[in-house]
C-alpha atoms as a PDB file:
ATOM      1  CA  MET A   1      -3.081 -27.004  10.179  1.00  0.00           C
ATOM      2  CA  PRO A   2       0.072 -29.009   9.852  1.00  0.00           C
ATOM      3  CA  PRO A   3       2.437 -29.704  12.850  1.00  0.00           C
ATOM      4  CA  ALA A   4       4.148 -26.403  13.979  1.00  0.00           C
ATOM      5  CA  SER A   5       7.497 -28.366  13.849  1.00  0.00           C
ATOM      6  CA  SER A   6       6.900 -29.251   9.902  1.00  0.00           C
ATOM      7  CA  VAL A   7       6.458 -25.891   9.165  1.00  0.00           C
ATOM      8  CA  ARG A   8       9.343 -24.447  11.194  1.00  0.00           C
ATOM      9  CA  ALA A   9      11.942 -27.131   9.320  1.00  0.00           C
ATOM     10  CA  ARG A  10      10.280 -26.300   5.802  1.00  0.00           C
ATOM     11  CA  ILE A  11      11.502 -22.285   7.089  1.00  0.00           C
ATOM     12  CA  GLU A  12      14.795 -23.246   8.293  1.00  0.00           C
ATOM     13  CA  GLN A  13      15.391 -24.268   4.319  1.00  0.00           C
ATOM     14  CA  ILE A  14      15.413 -20.689   3.414  1.00  0.00           C
ATOM     15  CA  ASP A  15      18.465 -19.367   1.860  1.00  0.00           C
ATOM     16  CA  ARG A  16      19.171 -16.526   3.269  1.00  0.00           C
ATOM     17  CA  ARG A  17      20.991 -15.065   0.403  1.00  0.00           C
ATOM     18  CA  ASN A  18      17.787 -15.010  -1.371  1.00  0.00           C
ATOM     19  CA  VAL A  19      15.875 -12.823   1.403  1.00  0.00           C
ATOM     20  CA  ILE A  20      15.095  -9.450  -0.507  1.00  0.00           C
ATOM     21  CA  SER A  21      12.708  -8.046   2.587  1.00  0.00           C
ATOM     22  CA  ALA A  22      11.424  -8.464   6.091  1.00  0.00           C
ATOM     23  CA  GLY A  23       8.574  -7.560   7.567  1.00  0.00           C
ATOM     24  CA  SER A  24       6.463  -8.205  10.753  1.00  0.00           C
ATOM     25  CA  THR A  25       4.746 -11.150   9.806  1.00  0.00           C
ATOM     26  CA  GLY A  26       7.767 -12.841   7.914  1.00  0.00           C
ATOM     27  CA  LEU A  27      10.414 -13.062   5.332  1.00  0.00           C
ATOM     28  CA  ILE A  28      10.473 -12.250   1.558  1.00  0.00           C
ATOM     29  CA  GLU A  29      12.643 -14.906  -0.495  1.00  0.00           C
ATOM     30  CA  HIS A  30      13.019 -14.626  -4.175  1.00  0.00           C
ATOM     31  CA  LEU A  31      12.948 -18.028  -5.282  1.00  0.00           C
ATOM     32  CA  PRO A  32      15.047 -19.292  -8.753  1.00  0.00           C
ATOM     33  CA  CYS A  33      11.529 -19.788 -10.511  1.00  0.00           C
ATOM     34  CA  GLY A  34      11.371 -15.889 -10.588  1.00  0.00           C
ATOM     35  CA  ASN A  35       8.421 -15.584  -8.278  1.00  0.00           C
ATOM     36  CA  VAL A  36       8.568 -14.617  -4.360  1.00  0.00           C
ATOM     37  CA  ARG A  37       7.709 -16.498  -0.873  1.00  0.00           C
ATOM     38  CA  LYS A  38       6.378 -14.686   1.885  1.00  0.00           C
ATOM     39  CA  CYS A  39       7.036 -16.853   4.860  1.00  0.00           C
ATOM     40  CA  VAL A  40       6.742 -16.339   8.648  1.00  0.00           C
ATOM     41  CA  TYR A  41       9.598 -16.504  11.323  1.00  0.00           C
ATOM     42  CA  SER A  42      10.493 -19.636  12.689  1.00  0.00           C
ATOM     43  CA  ASP A  43      11.932 -18.082  16.083  1.00  0.00           C
ATOM     44  CA  ARG A  44       9.276 -15.403  17.164  1.00  0.00           C
ATOM     45  CA  ASP A  45       5.643 -15.255  17.628  1.00  0.00           C
ATOM     46  CA  TYR A  46       5.351 -18.205  15.248  1.00  0.00           C
ATOM     47  CA  GLU A  47       1.516 -18.910  15.792  1.00  0.00           C
ATOM     48  CA  VAL A  48       0.731 -15.270  15.480  1.00  0.00           C
ATOM     49  CA  CYS A  49       2.932 -14.655  12.212  1.00  0.00           C
ATOM     50  CA  LEU A  50       1.146 -17.696  10.724  1.00  0.00           C
ATOM     51  CA  ARG A  51      -2.298 -16.690  11.357  1.00  0.00           C
ATOM     52  CA  ASP A  52      -1.678 -13.098   9.795  1.00  0.00           C
ATOM     53  CA  LEU A  53       0.083 -14.682   6.899  1.00  0.00           C
ATOM     54  CA  GLU A  54      -3.443 -17.170   6.493  1.00  0.00           C
ATOM     55  CA  ARG A  55      -5.224 -13.841   7.024  1.00  0.00           C
ATOM     56  CA  GLU A  56      -3.301 -12.158   3.826  1.00  0.00           C
ATOM     57  CA  PHE A  57      -3.906 -15.157   1.934  1.00  0.00           C
ATOM     58  CA  ARG A  58      -7.802 -15.011   2.633  1.00  0.00           C
ATOM     59  CA  VAL A  59      -7.776 -11.577   1.308  1.00  0.00           C
ATOM     60  CA  TYR A  60      -6.315 -12.306  -2.289  1.00  0.00           C
ATOM     61  CA  GLN A  61      -9.414 -15.032  -1.990  1.00  0.00           C
ATOM     62  CA  LYS A  62     -11.944 -12.656  -1.526  1.00  0.00           C
ATOM     63  CA  LEU A  63     -10.416 -10.016  -4.311  1.00  0.00           C
ATOM     64  CA  PRO A  64     -10.765 -10.501  -8.158  1.00  0.00           C
ATOM     65  CA  GLN A  65      -7.719 -10.398 -10.270  1.00  0.00           C
ATOM     66  CA  HIS A  66      -6.498  -6.753 -10.918  1.00  0.00           C
ATOM     67  CA  ASP A  67      -3.847  -4.533 -12.380  1.00  0.00           C
ATOM     68  CA  ARG A  68      -3.542  -3.153  -9.207  1.00  0.00           C
ATOM     69  CA  LEU A  69      -2.975  -6.769  -7.257  1.00  0.00           C
ATOM     70  CA  LEU A  70      -0.022  -9.002  -7.334  1.00  0.00           C
ATOM     71  CA  GLN A  71      -0.986 -12.255  -8.759  1.00  0.00           C
ATOM     72  CA  LEU A  72      -1.324 -14.820  -6.001  1.00  0.00           C
ATOM     73  CA  ILE A  73       0.601 -18.257  -7.339  1.00  0.00           C
ATOM     74  CA  ARG A  74      -0.236 -20.543  -4.166  1.00  0.00           C
ATOM     75  CA  TYR A  75      -0.301 -20.462  -0.836  1.00  0.00           C
ATOM     76  CA  SER A  76       0.008 -23.534   1.676  1.00  0.00           C
ATOM     77  CA  PRO A  77       1.128 -22.945   5.586  1.00  0.00           C
ATOM     78  CA  GLU A  78       4.459 -25.079   4.825  1.00  0.00           C
ATOM     79  CA  GLU A  79       5.607 -23.397   1.931  1.00  0.00           C
ATOM     80  CA  GLY A  80       4.142 -20.000   2.806  1.00  0.00           C
ATOM     81  CA  LEU A  81       2.526 -17.322   0.221  1.00  0.00           C
ATOM     82  CA  VAL A  82       4.164 -17.222  -3.358  1.00  0.00           C
ATOM     83  CA  LEU A  83       3.434 -14.183  -5.378  1.00  0.00           C
ATOM     84  CA  GLN A  84       4.448 -12.327  -8.544  1.00  0.00           C
ATOM     85  CA  TYR A  85       7.688 -10.636  -8.050  1.00  0.00           C
ATOM     86  CA  MET A  86       7.988  -6.827  -8.790  1.00  0.00           C
ATOM     87  CA  PRO A  87      11.874  -6.370  -9.276  1.00  0.00           C
ATOM     88  CA  ARG A  88      11.561  -2.324  -9.147  1.00  0.00           C
ATOM     89  CA  GLY A  89      10.638  -2.556  -5.649  1.00  0.00           C
ATOM     90  CA  ASN A  90       8.387   0.037  -3.644  1.00  0.00           C
ATOM     91  CA  LEU A  91       6.905   3.276  -4.208  1.00  0.00           C
ATOM     92  CA  ARG A  92       8.638   4.801  -0.785  1.00  0.00           C
ATOM     93  CA  ASP A  93      12.379   3.740  -2.077  1.00  0.00           C
ATOM     94  CA  HIS A  94      11.636   4.644  -5.354  1.00  0.00           C
ATOM     95  CA  LEU A  95      10.716   8.368  -4.881  1.00  0.00           C
ATOM     96  CA  PRO A  96      13.813   9.674  -3.441  1.00  0.00           C
ATOM     97  CA  LYS A  97      15.989   8.023  -5.746  1.00  0.00           C
ATOM     98  CA  ALA A  98      13.740   9.096  -9.105  1.00  0.00           C
ATOM     99  CA  ALA A  99      13.946  12.782  -7.696  1.00  0.00           C
ATOM    100  CA  SER A 100      17.390  12.785  -7.559  1.00  0.00           C
ATOM    101  CA  ALA A 101      18.023  10.914 -11.046  1.00  0.00           C
ATOM    102  CA  ALA A 102      18.660  13.074 -14.149  1.00  0.00           C
ATOM    103  CA  THR A 103      15.406  12.659 -15.472  1.00  0.00           C
ATOM    104  CA  ALA A 104      12.868  14.072 -12.656  1.00  0.00           C
ATOM    105  CA  ILE A 105       9.783  12.421 -11.898  1.00  0.00           C
ATOM    106  CA  THR A 106       6.617  13.946 -13.964  1.00  0.00           C
ATOM    107  CA  LEU A 107       3.660  15.428 -12.753  1.00  0.00           C
ATOM    108  CA  HIS A 108       2.051  13.055 -14.909  1.00  0.00           C
ATOM    109  CA  GLU A 109       3.827  10.061 -13.242  1.00  0.00           C
ATOM    110  CA  ARG A 110       2.961  11.428  -9.858  1.00  0.00           C
ATOM    111  CA  LEU A 111      -0.789  12.016 -10.606  1.00  0.00           C
ATOM    112  CA  GLN A 112      -1.011   8.333 -11.862  1.00  0.00           C
ATOM    113  CA  TRP A 113       0.514   6.932  -8.711  1.00  0.00           C
ATOM    114  CA  ALA A 114      -1.849   8.956  -6.708  1.00  0.00           C
ATOM    115  CA  CYS A 115      -4.797   7.326  -9.191  1.00  0.00           C
ATOM    116  CA  ASP A 116      -3.888   4.166  -8.637  1.00  0.00           C
ATOM    117  CA  ALA A 117      -3.175   4.012  -4.880  1.00  0.00           C
ATOM    118  CA  ALA A 118      -6.701   5.496  -4.415  1.00  0.00           C
ATOM    119  CA  GLU A 119      -8.112   2.598  -7.044  1.00  0.00           C
ATOM    120  CA  SER A 120      -6.179   0.009  -5.190  1.00  0.00           C
ATOM    121  CA  LEU A 121      -7.922   1.432  -1.768  1.00  0.00           C
ATOM    122  CA  HIS A 122     -11.111   1.523  -3.223  1.00  0.00           C
ATOM    123  CA  LEU A 123     -10.855  -2.193  -4.543  1.00  0.00           C
ATOM    124  CA  LEU A 124     -10.306  -3.314  -1.217  1.00  0.00           C
ATOM    125  CA  HIS A 125     -13.103  -1.256   0.698  1.00  0.00           C
ATOM    126  CA  SER A 126     -15.529  -2.326  -2.255  1.00  0.00           C
ATOM    127  CA  HIS A 127     -14.721  -5.937  -0.826  1.00  0.00           C
ATOM    128  CA  GLY A 128     -15.035  -5.467   2.618  1.00  0.00           C
ATOM    129  CA  ILE A 129     -11.419  -4.957   3.493  1.00  0.00           C
ATOM    130  CA  ILE A 130      -9.616  -2.499   5.527  1.00  0.00           C
ATOM    131  CA  HIS A 131      -5.798  -2.212   4.719  1.00  0.00           C
ATOM    132  CA  SER A 132      -4.859  -0.429   7.918  1.00  0.00           C
ATOM    133  CA  ASP A 133      -1.408   0.397   6.919  1.00  0.00           C
ATOM    134  CA  LEU A 134      -1.967   2.634   3.837  1.00  0.00           C
ATOM    135  CA  LYS A 135       1.408   3.920   2.698  1.00  0.00           C
ATOM    136  CA  PRO A 136       4.124   4.078  -0.157  1.00  0.00           C
ATOM    137  CA  GLU A 137       6.119   1.339   1.305  1.00  0.00           C
ATOM    138  CA  ASN A 138       2.957  -1.281   0.528  1.00  0.00           C
ATOM    139  CA  PHE A 139       2.945  -0.065  -2.981  1.00  0.00           C
ATOM    140  CA  LEU A 140       5.070  -1.833  -5.749  1.00  0.00           C
ATOM    141  CA  LEU A 141       5.902  -0.710  -8.891  1.00  0.00           C
ATOM    142  CA  ASP A 142       5.490  -2.961 -12.132  1.00  0.00           C
ATOM    143  CA  SER A 143       7.221  -2.927 -15.000  1.00  0.00           C
ATOM    144  CA  ASN A 144       4.884  -0.040 -16.500  1.00  0.00           C
ATOM    145  CA  SER A 145       5.409   2.105 -13.371  1.00  0.00           C
ATOM    146  CA  ARG A 146       2.000   1.269 -12.289  1.00  0.00           C
ATOM    147  CA  LEU A 147       1.344   0.468  -8.705  1.00  0.00           C
ATOM    148  CA  LYS A 148      -0.030  -2.617  -7.024  1.00  0.00           C
ATOM    149  CA  ILE A 149      -0.989  -3.031  -3.737  1.00  0.00           C
ATOM    150  CA  ILE A 150       0.296  -5.298  -0.939  1.00  0.00           C
ATOM    151  CA  ASP A 151       0.895  -6.631   2.365  1.00  0.00           C
ATOM    152  CA  PHE A 152      -2.592  -8.033   3.887  1.00  0.00           C
ATOM    153  CA  SER A 153      -1.653  -9.639   6.697  1.00  0.00           C
ATOM    154  CA  GLY A 154      -2.600  -7.298   9.350  1.00  0.00           C
ATOM    155  CA  SER A 155      -5.990  -6.157   7.250  1.00  0.00           C
ATOM    156  CA  SER A 156      -9.639  -5.936   8.916  1.00  0.00           C
ATOM    157  CA  PHE A 157     -12.072  -7.909   7.351  1.00  0.00           C
ATOM    158  CA  ASP A 158     -15.224  -9.949   7.799  1.00  0.00           C
ATOM    159  CA  GLY A 159     -15.410  -8.468  11.366  1.00  0.00           C
ATOM    160  CA  ILE A 160     -12.209  -9.632  12.183  1.00  0.00           C
ATOM    161  CA  VAL A 161     -10.208  -7.083  13.531  1.00  0.00           C
ATOM    162  CA  GLY A 162      -6.280  -7.182  12.003  1.00  0.00           C
ATOM    163  CA  SER A 163      -3.134  -6.664  13.835  1.00  0.00           C
ATOM    164  CA  ALA A 164      -1.530  -3.625  11.455  1.00  0.00           C
ATOM    165  CA  ILE A 165      -1.900  -0.341  12.561  1.00  0.00           C
ATOM    166  CA  GLU A 166      -0.773   2.914  10.674  1.00  0.00           C
ATOM    167  CA  SER A 167       2.925   4.184  11.554  1.00  0.00           C
ATOM    168  CA  THR A 168       2.548   7.839  12.954  1.00  0.00           C
ATOM    169  CA  ARG A 169       2.572  10.291   9.878  1.00  0.00           C
ATOM    170  CA  PHE A 170      -0.356   7.856   8.714  1.00  0.00           C
ATOM    171  CA  PHE A 171      -2.374   7.081  11.739  1.00  0.00           C
ATOM    172  CA  LEU A 172      -5.707   9.391  11.863  1.00  0.00           C
ATOM    173  CA  PRO A 173      -5.476  10.450  15.765  1.00  0.00           C
ATOM    174  CA  ARG A 174      -7.734   7.881  17.831  1.00  0.00           C
ATOM    175  CA  PRO A 175      -7.621   5.585  20.786  1.00  0.00           C
ATOM    176  CA  LEU A 176      -5.438   3.026  19.950  1.00  0.00           C
ATOM    177  CA  LYS A 177      -7.761   0.015  20.895  1.00  0.00           C
ATOM    178  CA  GLU A 178      -9.998   1.649  18.094  1.00  0.00           C
ATOM    179  CA  PRO A 179     -10.401  -0.546  15.204  1.00  0.00           C
ATOM    180  CA  PRO A 180      -9.258   0.701  11.738  1.00  0.00           C
ATOM    181  CA  THR A 181     -11.822   2.129   9.362  1.00  0.00           C
ATOM    182  CA  VAL A 182     -12.875   3.427   5.948  1.00  0.00           C
ATOM    183  CA  ARG A 183     -11.806   6.712   7.602  1.00  0.00           C
ATOM    184  CA  THR A 184      -8.199   6.024   8.925  1.00  0.00           C
ATOM    185  CA  ASP A 185      -7.560   4.080   5.736  1.00  0.00           C
ATOM    186  CA  LEU A 186      -8.527   7.866   3.790  1.00  0.00           C
ATOM    187  CA  PHE A 187      -6.284   9.392   6.623  1.00  0.00           C
ATOM    188  CA  ALA A 188      -3.692   7.473   5.493  1.00  0.00           C
ATOM    189  CA  LEU A 189      -4.396   8.070   1.761  1.00  0.00           C
ATOM    190  CA  GLY A 190      -3.882  11.658   1.996  1.00  0.00           C
ATOM    191  CA  SER A 191      -0.439  11.174   3.594  1.00  0.00           C
ATOM    192  CA  THR A 192       0.298   8.764   0.883  1.00  0.00           C
ATOM    193  CA  ILE A 193      -0.688  10.926  -1.788  1.00  0.00           C
ATOM    194  CA  SER A 194       1.303  13.997  -0.081  1.00  0.00           C
ATOM    195  CA  GLU A 195       4.422  11.336  -0.072  1.00  0.00           C
ATOM    196  CA  ILE A 196       4.129  11.049  -3.835  1.00  0.00           C
ATOM    197  CA  MET A 197       3.535  14.576  -5.129  1.00  0.00           C
ATOM    198  CA  THR A 198       6.704  15.528  -2.543  1.00  0.00           C
ATOM    199  CA  SER A 199       8.869  12.507  -2.239  1.00  0.00           C
ATOM    200  CA  ARG A 200       8.712  12.963   1.404  1.00  0.00           C
ATOM    201  CA  PRO A 201       6.809  11.640   4.166  1.00  0.00           C
ATOM    202  CA  PRO A 202       4.246  14.246   5.940  1.00  0.00           C
ATOM    203  CA  TYR A 203       6.170  16.406   8.851  1.00  0.00           C
ATOM    204  CA  ASP A 204       9.339  14.264   7.804  1.00  0.00           C
ATOM    205  CA  ASP A 205      11.610  17.299   9.505  1.00  0.00           C
ATOM    206  CA  LEU A 206       9.539  16.516  12.921  1.00  0.00           C
ATOM    207  CA  SER A 207       9.792  13.809  15.815  1.00  0.00           C
ATOM    208  CA  ASP A 208       6.973  11.297  15.828  1.00  0.00           C
ATOM    209  CA  ASP A 209       5.772  12.890  18.964  1.00  0.00           C
ATOM    210  CA  GLU A 210       5.774  16.249  17.505  1.00  0.00           C
ATOM    211  CA  VAL A 211       3.713  14.807  14.605  1.00  0.00           C
ATOM    212  CA  GLU A 212       1.539  13.250  16.995  1.00  0.00           C
ATOM    213  CA  ALA A 213       0.718  16.371  19.083  1.00  0.00           C
ATOM    214  CA  ARG A 214       0.061  18.384  15.924  1.00  0.00           C
ATOM    215  CA  TYR A 215      -2.377  15.765  14.003  1.00  0.00           C
ATOM    216  CA  SER A 216      -4.093  15.392  17.198  1.00  0.00           C
ATOM    217  CA  GLN A 217      -4.769  19.556  16.919  1.00  0.00           C
ATOM    218  CA  GLN A 218      -5.668  19.291  13.037  1.00  0.00           C
ATOM    219  CA  ILE A 219      -2.669  20.947  12.200  1.00  0.00           C
ATOM    220  CA  PHE A 220      -1.256  19.409   9.117  1.00  0.00           C
ATOM    221  CA  PRO A 221       1.240  20.258   6.532  1.00  0.00           C
ATOM    222  CA  SER A 222       0.942  22.923   3.967  1.00  0.00           C
ATOM    223  CA  VAL A 223      -0.508  21.627   0.999  1.00  0.00           C
ATOM    224  CA  GLN A 224      -1.821  24.425  -0.820  1.00  0.00           C
ATOM    225  CA  GLU A 225       0.999  24.616  -3.508  1.00  0.00           C
ATOM    226  CA  LEU A 226       0.573  20.768  -4.162  1.00  0.00           C
ATOM    227  CA  PRO A 227      -1.038  19.087  -6.728  1.00  0.00           C
ATOM    228  CA  CYS A 228      -4.074  17.730  -5.360  1.00  0.00           C
ATOM    229  CA  GLY A 229      -3.425  19.636  -2.133  1.00  0.00           C
ATOM    230  CA  GLN A 230      -7.202  20.104  -1.684  1.00  0.00           C
ATOM    231  CA  LEU A 231      -7.627  16.257  -1.763  1.00  0.00           C
ATOM    232  CA  ILE A 232      -4.692  15.644   0.650  1.00  0.00           C
ATOM    233  CA  MET A 233      -6.380  17.737   2.960  1.00  0.00           C
ATOM    234  CA  ASP A 234      -9.757  16.604   2.586  1.00  0.00           C
ATOM    235  CA  CYS A 235      -8.547  12.919   3.522  1.00  0.00           C
ATOM    236  CA  TRP A 236      -6.554  14.445   6.717  1.00  0.00           C
ATOM    237  CA  ARG A 237      -9.521  16.433   7.834  1.00  0.00           C
ATOM    238  CA  CYS A 238     -12.015  13.197   7.092  1.00  0.00           C
ATOM    239  CA  GLU A 239     -13.924  14.779   4.703  1.00  0.00           C
ATOM    240  CA  VAL A 240     -13.559  12.421   1.960  1.00  0.00           C
ATOM    241  CA  GLN A 241     -16.206   9.922   2.395  1.00  0.00           C
ATOM    242  CA  THR A 242     -14.903   7.178   0.132  1.00  0.00           C
ATOM    243  CA  ALA A 243     -12.016   5.704  -1.901  1.00  0.00           C
ATOM    244  CA  GLU A 244     -14.128   6.316  -4.622  1.00  0.00           C
ATOM    245  CA  GLU A 245     -14.690   9.653  -4.576  1.00  0.00           C
ATOM    246  CA  ALA A 246     -10.918  10.218  -4.024  1.00  0.00           C
ATOM    247  CA  MET A 247     -10.017   8.019  -7.243  1.00  0.00           C
ATOM    248  CA  LYS A 248     -12.500  10.177  -9.082  1.00  0.00           C
ATOM    249  CA  ARG A 249     -11.208  13.055  -8.187  1.00  0.00           C
ATOM    250  CA  LEU A 250      -7.762  12.157  -8.907  1.00  0.00           C
ATOM    251  CA  LYS A 251      -8.916  10.941 -12.322  1.00  0.00           C
ATOM    252  CA  ALA A 252     -10.011  14.426 -13.208  1.00  0.00           C
ATOM    253  CA  GLU A 253      -7.026  15.978 -12.288  1.00  0.00           C
ATOM    254  CA  LEU A 254      -4.704  13.326 -14.340  1.00  0.00           C
ATOM    255  CA  GLU A 255      -7.286  14.107 -17.315  1.00  0.00           C
ATOM    256  CA  SER A 256      -6.472  17.739 -16.892  1.00  0.00           C
ATOM    257  CA  ALA A 257      -2.667  17.337 -16.542  1.00  0.00           C
ATOM    258  CA  LEU A 258      -2.949  15.080 -19.983  1.00  0.00           C
ATOM    259  CA  ALA A 259      -5.016  17.682 -21.721  1.00  0.00           C
ATOM    260  CA  ALA A 260      -2.910  20.759 -20.592  1.00  0.00           C
ATOM    261  CA  SER A 261       0.145  18.497 -22.007  1.00  0.00           C
ATOM    262  CA  ASP A 262      -1.495  17.157 -24.995  1.00  0.00           C
ATOM    263  CA  PRO A 263      -4.739  18.329 -26.073  1.00  0.00           C
ATOM    264  CA  ALA A 264      -5.560  15.134 -28.021  1.00  0.00           C
ATOM    265  CA  SER A 265      -4.690  13.452 -24.870  1.00  0.00           C
ATOM    266  CA  SER A 266      -8.051  13.820 -23.268  1.00  0.00           C
ATOM    267  CA  CYS A 267      -9.650  11.806 -26.053  1.00  0.00           C
ATOM    268  CA  ARG A 268      -7.996   9.123 -25.218  1.00  0.00           C
ATOM    269  CA  SER A 269      -8.969   6.443 -22.303  1.00  0.00           C
ATOM    270  CA  SER A 270      -7.454   3.738 -20.327  1.00  0.00           C
ATOM    271  CA  PRO A 271      -8.725   0.315 -20.415  1.00  0.00           C
ATOM    272  CA  PRO A 272     -10.592  -1.455 -17.889  1.00  0.00           C
ATOM    273  CA  THR A 273      -8.205  -2.727 -15.130  1.00  0.00           C
ATOM    274  CA  THR A 274     -10.468  -5.608 -13.511  1.00  0.00           C
ATOM    275  CA  ARG A 275     -10.238  -8.702 -15.575  1.00  0.00           C
ATOM    276  CA  PRO A 276     -12.351 -11.753 -15.421  1.00  0.00           C
END
């Protein structure tokens, strides 16, 4: 690892006018070349942030190239993590804007996003990675309005428990010291799909304390009238065993919706998303 002083000096050269986002680990800078750079903060928890950034790089190394992932350009502790840029931003910001736009979000779009979210999670789990902070904010939209999952700096893998924890409405009730698991990711997937279908986080009208109390008593928002409502509830009740199961159920719903709107569409198949 290079000296901390050299990394800090490089970070301090960032043009703050190009910073487009910030998170727990560091800043996201839009580079002149068109990519983005994720680099650690120079003035707080430096060693911890650098460790988490290195962990995110290791996750990208473990995963194959895939349509549900950003392209990793390069990484070094001095420069940070350079990734493909998605100018349309994240799904959480997009949902309310699109819902209030002149052209409403279609059911097909919502189902496709739900499929993409489950497919992303299945990709991670099939390579032994627990995301640990699944939510619409951690999905970016590409130019074809498809999702790419991001932010692995706090993920768990290879027996290493990451630093991330789900936010309240995506958190499976458990002791805080209990590590994240496939089940906790699937619970968060249920809340993610709920937000995709409603354009609002679950229980967005309640305080965090009220949400925690209801979740602890297995009291969840009504989803009977929502597309994929049964799957959402099954995720919350820990009755979905794998992300692959969720993905298959969602794809079946998507195919049914396509067939209902265009019978010929059910004969068309999507191309594979994993590339060698």
